Amino acid sequence: MNRLLYFSFATFLLIASAAATDQSAPPSAASSGEPPRHMHMPALGPVGGDWWKNSEIAQQINLTDAQKQQIQQIFSDHRSNLVSLRGNFESEEGKLRNLVNQDPPQDDQVLAQVDQVTVARGKLDREFAAITLAFRKVLSGDQWKQLQNITMQRFLLFRRHRDKWGDSTTNNNSSAPK
């Protein structure tokens, strides 16, 4: 059960990274200097973005041209909704940040806004799940397993890289709180 959950999460991250690299992101995300909230795997290169167009991955899972077209169509059909839902989620998070930063913060307002963030995140997660399910229906069982393995390998590589990078920055920063 845990392995299935882990693979599902990795696949979800794959889809999330594809949406996060969309060039039509709302201006609020780009202008704030903050990374998009669903960009979990920025250093993974070819897994992010339009992974189905990546010849290495497409070859590894034996993706046909027809499957590439179907997956592209699925992503195109969901793109504007993803952008809208992500923008709404980021907006609700911004409101929450502002409420928490008030001096003093108003408990009732903060907790009510947490509910709004949760609802917005749930809608975004549901859209990602719908895309993942639609992608899954295009791929054979073997292709799906191979894609999950590729995703997992790259996710673990990213985590090792991130952990190593994180450790080196905290060790080199003598002014960091301990």
N, C-alpha and C. Protein backbone atom coordinates (compact mmCIF):
# COMPACT_ATOMS: atom_id res chain seq x y z
N MET A 1 0.82 -1.20 0.00
CA MET A 1 0.00 0.00 0.00
C MET A 1 0.87 1.26 0.00
N ASN A 2 1.92 1.29 0.86
CA ASN A 2 2.79 2.45 0.90
C ASN A 2 3.52 2.66 -0.41
N ARG A 3 3.93 1.57 -1.05
CA ARG A 3 4.62 1.68 -2.33
C ARG A 3 3.69 2.25 -3.40
N LEU A 4 2.45 1.80 -3.43
CA LEU A 4 1.48 2.33 -4.37
C LEU A 4 1.26 3.82 -4.13
N LEU A 5 1.14 4.21 -2.87
CA LEU A 5 0.95 5.61 -2.53
C LEU A 5 2.16 6.44 -2.96
N TYR A 6 3.35 5.90 -2.74
CA TYR A 6 4.58 6.59 -3.10
C TYR A 6 4.68 6.79 -4.61
N PHE A 7 4.38 5.72 -5.38
CA PHE A 7 4.40 5.84 -6.84
C PHE A 7 3.33 6.80 -7.33
N SER A 8 2.18 6.76 -6.73
CA SER A 8 1.12 7.69 -7.13
C SER A 8 1.54 9.12 -6.86
N PHE A 9 2.20 9.34 -5.71
CA PHE A 9 2.68 10.67 -5.37
C PHE A 9 3.73 11.13 -6.39
N ALA A 10 4.64 10.23 -6.76
CA ALA A 10 5.67 10.57 -7.72
C ALA A 10 5.06 10.93 -9.07
N THR A 11 4.05 10.18 -9.47
CA THR A 11 3.37 10.48 -10.73
C THR A 11 2.66 11.82 -10.64
N PHE A 12 2.04 12.07 -9.50
CA PHE A 12 1.39 13.35 -9.27
C PHE A 12 2.40 14.48 -9.40
N LEU A 13 3.60 14.29 -8.87
CA LEU A 13 4.64 15.30 -8.97
C LEU A 13 5.05 15.52 -10.42
N LEU A 14 5.06 14.45 -11.19
CA LEU A 14 5.38 14.56 -12.61
C LEU A 14 4.38 15.48 -13.30
N ILE A 15 3.12 15.25 -13.07
CA ILE A 15 2.08 16.08 -13.67
C ILE A 15 2.18 17.50 -13.14
N ALA A 16 2.43 17.62 -11.85
CA ALA A 16 2.53 18.95 -11.25
C ALA A 16 3.67 19.74 -11.85
N SER A 17 4.80 19.08 -12.08
CA SER A 17 5.92 19.80 -12.65
C SER A 17 5.62 20.24 -14.08
N ALA A 18 4.85 19.44 -14.80
CA ALA A 18 4.47 19.81 -16.16
C ALA A 18 3.61 21.07 -16.13
N ALA A 19 2.68 21.12 -15.22
CA ALA A 19 1.81 22.30 -15.12
C ALA A 19 2.58 23.51 -14.63
N ALA A 20 3.53 23.28 -13.75
CA ALA A 20 4.28 24.40 -13.19
C ALA A 20 5.19 25.05 -14.21
N THR A 21 5.61 24.31 -15.20
CA THR A 21 6.49 24.89 -16.21
C THR A 21 5.72 25.55 -17.34
N ASP A 22 4.41 25.57 -17.25
CA ASP A 22 3.58 26.20 -18.27
C ASP A 22 3.94 27.67 -18.38
N GLN A 23 4.16 28.15 -19.59
CA GLN A 23 4.57 29.52 -19.81
C GLN A 23 3.45 30.53 -19.62
N SER A 24 2.22 30.07 -19.50
CA SER A 24 1.10 30.99 -19.35
C SER A 24 0.71 31.15 -17.90
N ALA A 25 1.69 31.09 -17.01
CA ALA A 25 1.42 31.23 -15.58
C ALA A 25 0.86 32.61 -15.29
N PRO A 26 0.04 32.72 -14.26
CA PRO A 26 -0.52 34.02 -13.93
C PRO A 26 0.59 34.99 -13.56
N PRO A 27 0.43 36.27 -13.87
CA PRO A 27 1.47 37.24 -13.61
C PRO A 27 1.83 37.33 -12.14
N SER A 28 0.90 37.05 -11.24
CA SER A 28 1.19 37.17 -9.81
C SER A 28 2.32 36.26 -9.40
N ALA A 29 2.40 35.06 -9.96
CA ALA A 29 3.46 34.11 -9.60
C ALA A 29 4.80 34.59 -10.14
N ALA A 30 4.80 35.08 -11.36
CA ALA A 30 6.05 35.50 -11.97
C ALA A 30 6.57 36.78 -11.34
N SER A 31 5.71 37.73 -11.06
CA SER A 31 6.14 39.02 -10.56
C SER A 31 6.51 39.01 -9.09
N SER A 32 6.04 38.03 -8.34
CA SER A 32 6.34 38.00 -6.91
C SER A 32 7.73 37.48 -6.62
N GLY A 33 8.36 36.83 -7.63
CA GLY A 33 9.67 36.27 -7.41
C GLY A 33 9.63 34.91 -6.71
N GLU A 34 8.45 34.46 -6.34
CA GLU A 34 8.32 33.17 -5.69
C GLU A 34 8.11 32.09 -6.74
N PRO A 35 8.63 30.86 -6.46
CA PRO A 35 8.39 29.78 -7.42
C PRO A 35 6.94 29.36 -7.37
N PRO A 36 6.42 28.84 -8.49
CA PRO A 36 5.05 28.35 -8.48
C PRO A 36 4.89 27.29 -7.40
N ARG A 37 3.77 27.24 -6.73
CA ARG A 37 3.55 26.35 -5.60
C ARG A 37 3.62 24.88 -5.99
N HIS A 38 3.30 24.53 -7.20
CA HIS A 38 3.29 23.12 -7.58
C HIS A 38 4.54 22.71 -8.35
N MET A 39 5.57 23.51 -8.26
CA MET A 39 6.79 23.14 -8.95
C MET A 39 7.69 22.40 -7.96
N HIS A 40 7.43 21.12 -7.81
CA HIS A 40 8.12 20.32 -6.82
C HIS A 40 9.44 19.76 -7.31
N MET A 41 9.63 19.66 -8.60
CA MET A 41 10.81 18.99 -9.12
C MET A 41 11.53 19.87 -10.14
N PRO A 42 11.99 21.06 -9.76
CA PRO A 42 12.54 21.98 -10.75
C PRO A 42 13.84 21.52 -11.38
N ALA A 43 14.62 20.68 -10.71
CA ALA A 43 15.93 20.30 -11.23
C ALA A 43 15.91 19.01 -12.03
N LEU A 44 14.74 18.50 -12.34
CA LEU A 44 14.67 17.21 -12.99
C LEU A 44 14.74 17.27 -14.50
N GLY A 45 14.84 18.43 -15.05
CA GLY A 45 15.02 18.56 -16.48
C GLY A 45 13.90 17.92 -17.28
N PRO A 46 14.20 16.85 -18.03
CA PRO A 46 13.26 16.33 -19.00
C PRO A 46 11.99 15.73 -18.42
N VAL A 47 11.93 15.45 -17.13
CA VAL A 47 10.68 14.93 -16.59
C VAL A 47 9.65 16.05 -16.51
N GLY A 48 10.11 17.25 -16.24
CA GLY A 48 9.19 18.37 -16.15
C GLY A 48 8.72 18.81 -17.52
N GLY A 49 7.79 19.73 -17.53
CA GLY A 49 7.30 20.26 -18.79
C GLY A 49 6.56 19.22 -19.61
N ASP A 50 6.77 19.26 -20.89
CA ASP A 50 6.10 18.34 -21.81
C ASP A 50 6.89 17.05 -21.91
N TRP A 51 6.90 16.26 -20.87
CA TRP A 51 7.71 15.03 -20.80
C TRP A 51 7.40 14.07 -21.94
N TRP A 52 6.18 14.08 -22.44
CA TRP A 52 5.81 13.17 -23.51
C TRP A 52 6.49 13.52 -24.83
N LYS A 53 7.02 14.73 -24.93
CA LYS A 53 7.74 15.14 -26.12
C LYS A 53 9.23 14.83 -26.01
N ASN A 54 9.70 14.48 -24.81
CA ASN A 54 11.10 14.17 -24.59
C ASN A 54 11.42 12.84 -25.23
N SER A 55 12.32 12.84 -26.20
CA SER A 55 12.58 11.61 -26.95
C SER A 55 13.14 10.50 -26.06
N GLU A 56 13.96 10.84 -25.07
CA GLU A 56 14.52 9.82 -24.18
C GLU A 56 13.42 9.11 -23.40
N ILE A 57 12.55 9.86 -22.79
CA ILE A 57 11.47 9.26 -22.01
C ILE A 57 10.48 8.55 -22.93
N ALA A 58 10.13 9.20 -24.03
CA ALA A 58 9.20 8.59 -24.99
C ALA A 58 9.74 7.26 -25.50
N GLN A 59 11.04 7.21 -25.75
CA GLN A 59 11.64 5.96 -26.21
C GLN A 59 11.66 4.91 -25.11
N GLN A 60 11.99 5.34 -23.89
CA GLN A 60 12.08 4.39 -22.78
C GLN A 60 10.74 3.69 -22.52
N ILE A 61 9.66 4.43 -22.71
CA ILE A 61 8.35 3.82 -22.44
C ILE A 61 7.63 3.41 -23.73
N ASN A 62 8.33 3.51 -24.86
CA ASN A 62 7.78 3.15 -26.17
C ASN A 62 6.48 3.90 -26.48
N LEU A 63 6.53 5.19 -26.28
CA LEU A 63 5.36 6.04 -26.53
C LEU A 63 5.19 6.22 -28.03
N THR A 64 4.00 5.95 -28.53
CA THR A 64 3.73 6.11 -29.96
C THR A 64 3.40 7.56 -30.27
N ASP A 65 3.46 7.91 -31.54
CA ASP A 65 3.08 9.27 -31.95
C ASP A 65 1.62 9.55 -31.61
N ALA A 66 0.78 8.55 -31.78
CA ALA A 66 -0.65 8.73 -31.46
C ALA A 66 -0.82 9.00 -29.96
N GLN A 67 -0.07 8.30 -29.13
CA GLN A 67 -0.17 8.53 -27.68
C GLN A 67 0.33 9.92 -27.32
N LYS A 68 1.42 10.35 -27.97
CA LYS A 68 1.94 11.70 -27.72
C LYS A 68 0.87 12.74 -28.04
N GLN A 69 0.19 12.54 -29.16
CA GLN A 69 -0.85 13.48 -29.56
C GLN A 69 -2.01 13.48 -28.57
N GLN A 70 -2.39 12.29 -28.11
CA GLN A 70 -3.48 12.20 -27.14
C GLN A 70 -3.11 12.89 -25.83
N ILE A 71 -1.89 12.66 -25.36
CA ILE A 71 -1.45 13.26 -24.11
C ILE A 71 -1.36 14.78 -24.25
N GLN A 72 -0.84 15.23 -25.38
CA GLN A 72 -0.77 16.68 -25.62
C GLN A 72 -2.17 17.29 -25.61
N GLN A 73 -3.12 16.61 -26.23
CA GLN A 73 -4.50 17.12 -26.26
C GLN A 73 -5.09 17.18 -24.85
N ILE A 74 -4.84 16.15 -24.05
CA ILE A 74 -5.33 16.14 -22.67
C ILE A 74 -4.75 17.33 -21.91
N PHE A 75 -3.44 17.53 -22.03
CA PHE A 75 -2.81 18.64 -21.33
C PHE A 75 -3.34 19.98 -21.82
N SER A 76 -3.50 20.11 -23.13
CA SER A 76 -4.03 21.35 -23.70
C SER A 76 -5.45 21.62 -23.20
N ASP A 77 -6.25 20.57 -23.10
CA ASP A 77 -7.63 20.72 -22.63
C ASP A 77 -7.70 21.19 -21.18
N HIS A 78 -6.71 20.84 -20.39
CA HIS A 78 -6.73 21.17 -18.96
C HIS A 78 -5.89 22.40 -18.60
N ARG A 79 -5.07 22.85 -19.52
CA ARG A 79 -4.10 23.91 -19.22
C ARG A 79 -4.73 25.17 -18.63
N SER A 80 -5.75 25.70 -19.27
CA SER A 80 -6.32 26.96 -18.78
C SER A 80 -6.96 26.78 -17.40
N ASN A 81 -7.57 25.64 -17.18
CA ASN A 81 -8.15 25.38 -15.86
C ASN A 81 -7.05 25.26 -14.80
N LEU A 82 -5.94 24.61 -15.15
CA LEU A 82 -4.82 24.51 -14.21
C LEU A 82 -4.29 25.89 -13.85
N VAL A 83 -4.11 26.73 -14.84
CA VAL A 83 -3.59 28.07 -14.59
C VAL A 83 -4.54 28.85 -13.70
N SER A 84 -5.82 28.77 -13.99
CA SER A 84 -6.82 29.47 -13.19
C SER A 84 -6.85 28.96 -11.75
N LEU A 85 -6.86 27.64 -11.61
CA LEU A 85 -6.91 27.07 -10.26
C LEU A 85 -5.64 27.36 -9.48
N ARG A 86 -4.50 27.32 -10.15
CA ARG A 86 -3.24 27.64 -9.47
C ARG A 86 -3.23 29.11 -9.06
N GLY A 87 -3.71 29.98 -9.93
CA GLY A 87 -3.78 31.40 -9.58
C GLY A 87 -4.68 31.64 -8.39
N ASN A 88 -5.81 30.96 -8.34
CA ASN A 88 -6.72 31.10 -7.21
C ASN A 88 -6.07 30.58 -5.93
N PHE A 89 -5.39 29.44 -6.02
CA PHE A 89 -4.71 28.88 -4.86
C PHE A 89 -3.65 29.86 -4.33
N GLU A 90 -2.84 30.41 -5.23
CA GLU A 90 -1.80 31.34 -4.82
C GLU A 90 -2.39 32.61 -4.23
N SER A 91 -3.52 33.05 -4.77
CA SER A 91 -4.19 34.23 -4.24
C SER A 91 -4.68 33.98 -2.81
N GLU A 92 -5.28 32.82 -2.60
CA GLU A 92 -5.77 32.47 -1.26
C GLU A 92 -4.61 32.33 -0.28
N GLU A 93 -3.50 31.78 -0.74
CA GLU A 93 -2.31 31.68 0.12
C GLU A 93 -1.77 33.06 0.47
N GLY A 94 -1.79 33.97 -0.51
CA GLY A 94 -1.34 35.34 -0.25
C GLY A 94 -2.20 36.02 0.80
N LYS A 95 -3.50 35.82 0.71
CA LYS A 95 -4.40 36.39 1.71
C LYS A 95 -4.08 35.83 3.10
N LEU A 96 -3.81 34.53 3.15
CA LEU A 96 -3.47 33.90 4.42
C LEU A 96 -2.18 34.49 4.98
N ARG A 97 -1.17 34.62 4.13
CA ARG A 97 0.10 35.20 4.55
C ARG A 97 -0.11 36.60 5.13
N ASN A 98 -0.93 37.40 4.46
CA ASN A 98 -1.20 38.76 4.95
C ASN A 98 -1.89 38.73 6.31
N LEU A 99 -2.83 37.82 6.47
CA LEU A 99 -3.54 37.73 7.76
C LEU A 99 -2.62 37.29 8.88
N VAL A 100 -1.74 36.34 8.60
CA VAL A 100 -0.81 35.85 9.62
C VAL A 100 0.20 36.95 9.97
N ASN A 101 0.55 37.79 9.02
CA ASN A 101 1.53 38.84 9.26
C ASN A 101 0.96 40.06 9.98
N GLN A 102 -0.35 40.11 10.16
CA GLN A 102 -0.93 41.23 10.90
C GLN A 102 -0.44 41.18 12.34
N ASP A 103 -0.40 42.35 12.96
CA ASP A 103 0.06 42.40 14.34
C ASP A 103 -1.01 43.01 15.22
N PRO A 104 -1.70 42.28 15.97
CA PRO A 104 -1.65 40.82 16.14
C PRO A 104 -2.57 40.14 15.12
N PRO A 105 -2.28 38.91 14.79
CA PRO A 105 -3.16 38.18 13.86
C PRO A 105 -4.51 37.88 14.52
N GLN A 106 -5.56 37.92 13.72
CA GLN A 106 -6.90 37.62 14.21
C GLN A 106 -7.19 36.14 13.98
N ASP A 107 -7.28 35.38 15.05
CA ASP A 107 -7.42 33.92 14.95
C ASP A 107 -8.57 33.50 14.04
N ASP A 108 -9.74 34.09 14.23
CA ASP A 108 -10.90 33.69 13.44
C ASP A 108 -10.68 33.93 11.95
N GLN A 109 -10.10 35.07 11.60
CA GLN A 109 -9.85 35.38 10.20
C GLN A 109 -8.81 34.43 9.60
N VAL A 110 -7.75 34.16 10.36
CA VAL A 110 -6.69 33.27 9.87
C VAL A 110 -7.26 31.87 9.64
N LEU A 111 -8.00 31.36 10.60
CA LEU A 111 -8.53 30.01 10.47
C LEU A 111 -9.56 29.91 9.35
N ALA A 112 -10.36 30.95 9.16
CA ALA A 112 -11.31 30.96 8.05
C ALA A 112 -10.56 30.97 6.71
N GLN A 113 -9.45 31.71 6.66
CA GLN A 113 -8.68 31.75 5.42
C GLN A 113 -7.96 30.43 5.17
N VAL A 114 -7.55 29.74 6.22
CA VAL A 114 -6.97 28.41 6.06
C VAL A 114 -7.97 27.50 5.34
N ASP A 115 -9.24 27.62 5.71
CA ASP A 115 -10.27 26.83 5.03
C ASP A 115 -10.35 27.18 3.55
N GLN A 116 -10.21 28.45 3.21
CA GLN A 116 -10.25 28.87 1.81
C GLN A 116 -9.04 28.33 1.04
N VAL A 117 -7.87 28.33 1.68
CA VAL A 117 -6.67 27.78 1.05
C VAL A 117 -6.85 26.28 0.82
N THR A 118 -7.43 25.61 1.81
CA THR A 118 -7.66 24.17 1.70
C THR A 118 -8.61 23.84 0.55
N VAL A 119 -9.65 24.61 0.41
CA VAL A 119 -10.61 24.40 -0.69
C VAL A 119 -9.93 24.62 -2.03
N ALA A 120 -9.17 25.71 -2.14
CA ALA A 120 -8.48 26.02 -3.40
C ALA A 120 -7.46 24.93 -3.73
N ARG A 121 -6.73 24.47 -2.74
CA ARG A 121 -5.74 23.40 -2.96
C ARG A 121 -6.44 22.11 -3.38
N GLY A 122 -7.57 21.81 -2.76
CA GLY A 122 -8.33 20.61 -3.11
C GLY A 122 -8.79 20.62 -4.56
N LYS A 123 -9.24 21.78 -5.04
CA LYS A 123 -9.67 21.89 -6.43
C LYS A 123 -8.49 21.70 -7.38
N LEU A 124 -7.35 22.27 -7.03
CA LEU A 124 -6.16 22.11 -7.85
C LEU A 124 -5.69 20.65 -7.85
N ASP A 125 -5.67 20.03 -6.69
CA ASP A 125 -5.28 18.62 -6.59
C ASP A 125 -6.22 17.73 -7.39
N ARG A 126 -7.50 18.04 -7.37
CA ARG A 126 -8.47 17.24 -8.12
C ARG A 126 -8.22 17.36 -9.62
N GLU A 127 -7.87 18.54 -10.08
CA GLU A 127 -7.56 18.74 -11.49
C GLU A 127 -6.32 17.96 -11.89
N PHE A 128 -5.30 17.99 -11.04
CA PHE A 128 -4.10 17.19 -11.30
C PHE A 128 -4.44 15.70 -11.35
N ALA A 129 -5.29 15.27 -10.45
CA ALA A 129 -5.69 13.86 -10.44
C ALA A 129 -6.45 13.50 -11.72
N ALA A 130 -7.29 14.40 -12.20
CA ALA A 130 -8.05 14.15 -13.43
C ALA A 130 -7.09 14.02 -14.62
N ILE A 131 -6.06 14.87 -14.66
CA ILE A 131 -5.09 14.79 -15.75
C ILE A 131 -4.29 13.49 -15.64
N THR A 132 -3.86 13.16 -14.45
CA THR A 132 -3.11 11.93 -14.24
C THR A 132 -3.94 10.72 -14.68
N LEU A 133 -5.19 10.69 -14.31
CA LEU A 133 -6.07 9.59 -14.70
C LEU A 133 -6.23 9.53 -16.22
N ALA A 134 -6.40 10.69 -16.84
CA ALA A 134 -6.54 10.72 -18.30
C ALA A 134 -5.25 10.24 -18.98
N PHE A 135 -4.09 10.66 -18.46
CA PHE A 135 -2.82 10.17 -18.99
C PHE A 135 -2.72 8.66 -18.83
N ARG A 136 -3.11 8.18 -17.66
CA ARG A 136 -3.03 6.75 -17.38
C ARG A 136 -3.84 5.94 -18.38
N LYS A 137 -4.99 6.45 -18.77
CA LYS A 137 -5.86 5.75 -19.72
C LYS A 137 -5.24 5.67 -21.12
N VAL A 138 -4.33 6.55 -21.44
CA VAL A 138 -3.67 6.54 -22.74
C VAL A 138 -2.53 5.52 -22.76
N LEU A 139 -1.90 5.32 -21.61
CA LEU A 139 -0.73 4.45 -21.52
C LEU A 139 -1.13 3.02 -21.19
N SER A 140 -0.34 2.08 -21.69
CA SER A 140 -0.54 0.68 -21.30
C SER A 140 -0.05 0.49 -19.87
N GLY A 141 -0.36 -0.65 -19.30
CA GLY A 141 0.11 -0.94 -17.94
C GLY A 141 1.62 -0.92 -17.83
N ASP A 142 2.30 -1.49 -18.82
CA ASP A 142 3.76 -1.50 -18.81
C ASP A 142 4.33 -0.10 -18.97
N GLN A 143 3.75 0.69 -19.86
CA GLN A 143 4.21 2.06 -20.04
C GLN A 143 4.04 2.86 -18.75
N TRP A 144 2.90 2.67 -18.10
CA TRP A 144 2.62 3.38 -16.85
C TRP A 144 3.66 3.03 -15.79
N LYS A 145 3.96 1.74 -15.66
CA LYS A 145 4.96 1.30 -14.67
C LYS A 145 6.34 1.87 -15.00
N GLN A 146 6.69 1.85 -16.28
CA GLN A 146 7.99 2.40 -16.68
C GLN A 146 8.06 3.90 -16.39
N LEU A 147 6.99 4.62 -16.69
CA LEU A 147 6.96 6.05 -16.42
C LEU A 147 7.07 6.32 -14.93
N GLN A 148 6.39 5.53 -14.12
CA GLN A 148 6.50 5.68 -12.67
C GLN A 148 7.93 5.44 -12.21
N ASN A 149 8.58 4.42 -12.77
CA ASN A 149 9.96 4.14 -12.39
C ASN A 149 10.89 5.29 -12.77
N ILE A 150 10.72 5.83 -13.97
CA ILE A 150 11.53 6.97 -14.40
C ILE A 150 11.29 8.15 -13.47
N THR A 151 10.03 8.41 -13.19
CA THR A 151 9.68 9.51 -12.31
C THR A 151 10.30 9.32 -10.93
N MET A 152 10.20 8.11 -10.39
CA MET A 152 10.73 7.84 -9.07
C MET A 152 12.25 8.00 -9.05
N GLN A 153 12.93 7.48 -10.05
CA GLN A 153 14.38 7.61 -10.11
C GLN A 153 14.80 9.07 -10.12
N ARG A 154 14.13 9.86 -10.93
CA ARG A 154 14.49 11.28 -11.03
C ARG A 154 14.10 12.05 -9.77
N PHE A 155 13.00 11.66 -9.17
CA PHE A 155 12.60 12.30 -7.92
C PHE A 155 13.62 12.01 -6.83
N LEU A 156 14.07 10.76 -6.72
CA LEU A 156 15.07 10.40 -5.71
C LEU A 156 16.39 11.10 -5.98
N LEU A 157 16.77 11.21 -7.25
CA LEU A 157 17.98 11.93 -7.61
C LEU A 157 17.85 13.40 -7.20
N PHE A 158 16.71 13.98 -7.48
CA PHE A 158 16.46 15.37 -7.08
C PHE A 158 16.55 15.53 -5.57
N ARG A 159 15.93 14.61 -4.83
CA ARG A 159 15.96 14.68 -3.36
C ARG A 159 17.38 14.58 -2.83
N ARG A 160 18.15 13.66 -3.38
CA ARG A 160 19.55 13.52 -2.93
C ARG A 160 20.31 14.81 -3.22
N HIS A 161 20.09 15.36 -4.41
CA HIS A 161 20.76 16.60 -4.78
C HIS A 161 20.32 17.74 -3.86
N ARG A 162 19.03 17.85 -3.60
CA ARG A 162 18.49 18.89 -2.74
C ARG A 162 19.02 18.75 -1.32
N ASP A 163 19.04 17.52 -0.80
CA ASP A 163 19.51 17.29 0.57
C ASP A 163 20.99 17.62 0.68
N LYS A 164 21.76 17.23 -0.34
CA LYS A 164 23.19 17.53 -0.33
C LYS A 164 23.40 19.04 -0.41
N TRP A 165 22.67 19.69 -1.30
CA TRP A 165 22.78 21.14 -1.45
C TRP A 165 22.35 21.85 -0.17
N GLY A 166 21.27 21.39 0.43
CA GLY A 166 20.77 21.98 1.67
C GLY A 166 21.76 21.84 2.79
N ASP A 167 22.40 20.67 2.89
CA ASP A 167 23.39 20.46 3.95
C ASP A 167 24.60 21.36 3.77
N SER A 168 25.07 21.53 2.53
CA SER A 168 26.26 22.33 2.31
C SER A 168 26.00 23.81 2.57
N THR A 169 24.78 24.28 2.31
CA THR A 169 24.51 25.70 2.55
C THR A 169 24.37 25.99 4.03
N THR A 170 23.81 25.06 4.79
CA THR A 170 23.67 25.33 6.22
C THR A 170 25.01 25.22 6.92
N ASN A 171 25.92 24.35 6.44
CA ASN A 171 27.24 24.22 7.05
C ASN A 171 28.12 25.41 6.74
N ASN A 172 27.94 26.03 5.58
CA ASN A 172 28.77 27.16 5.18
C ASN A 172 28.27 28.48 5.70
N ASN A 173 27.10 28.53 6.25
CA ASN A 173 26.50 29.77 6.72
C ASN A 173 26.63 29.84 8.24
N SER A 174 27.68 30.52 8.71
CA SER A 174 27.92 30.58 10.15
C SER A 174 26.91 31.43 10.88
N SER A 175 26.20 32.29 10.17
CA SER A 175 25.21 33.15 10.83
C SER A 175 23.83 32.51 10.92
N ALA A 176 23.71 31.29 10.40
CA ALA A 176 22.41 30.60 10.44
C ALA A 176 22.08 30.25 11.87
N PRO A 177 20.80 30.40 12.26
CA PRO A 177 20.40 30.03 13.61
C PRO A 177 20.59 28.54 13.85
N LYS A 178 20.98 28.20 15.06
CA LYS A 178 21.22 26.80 15.38
C LYS A 178 20.27 26.30 16.43
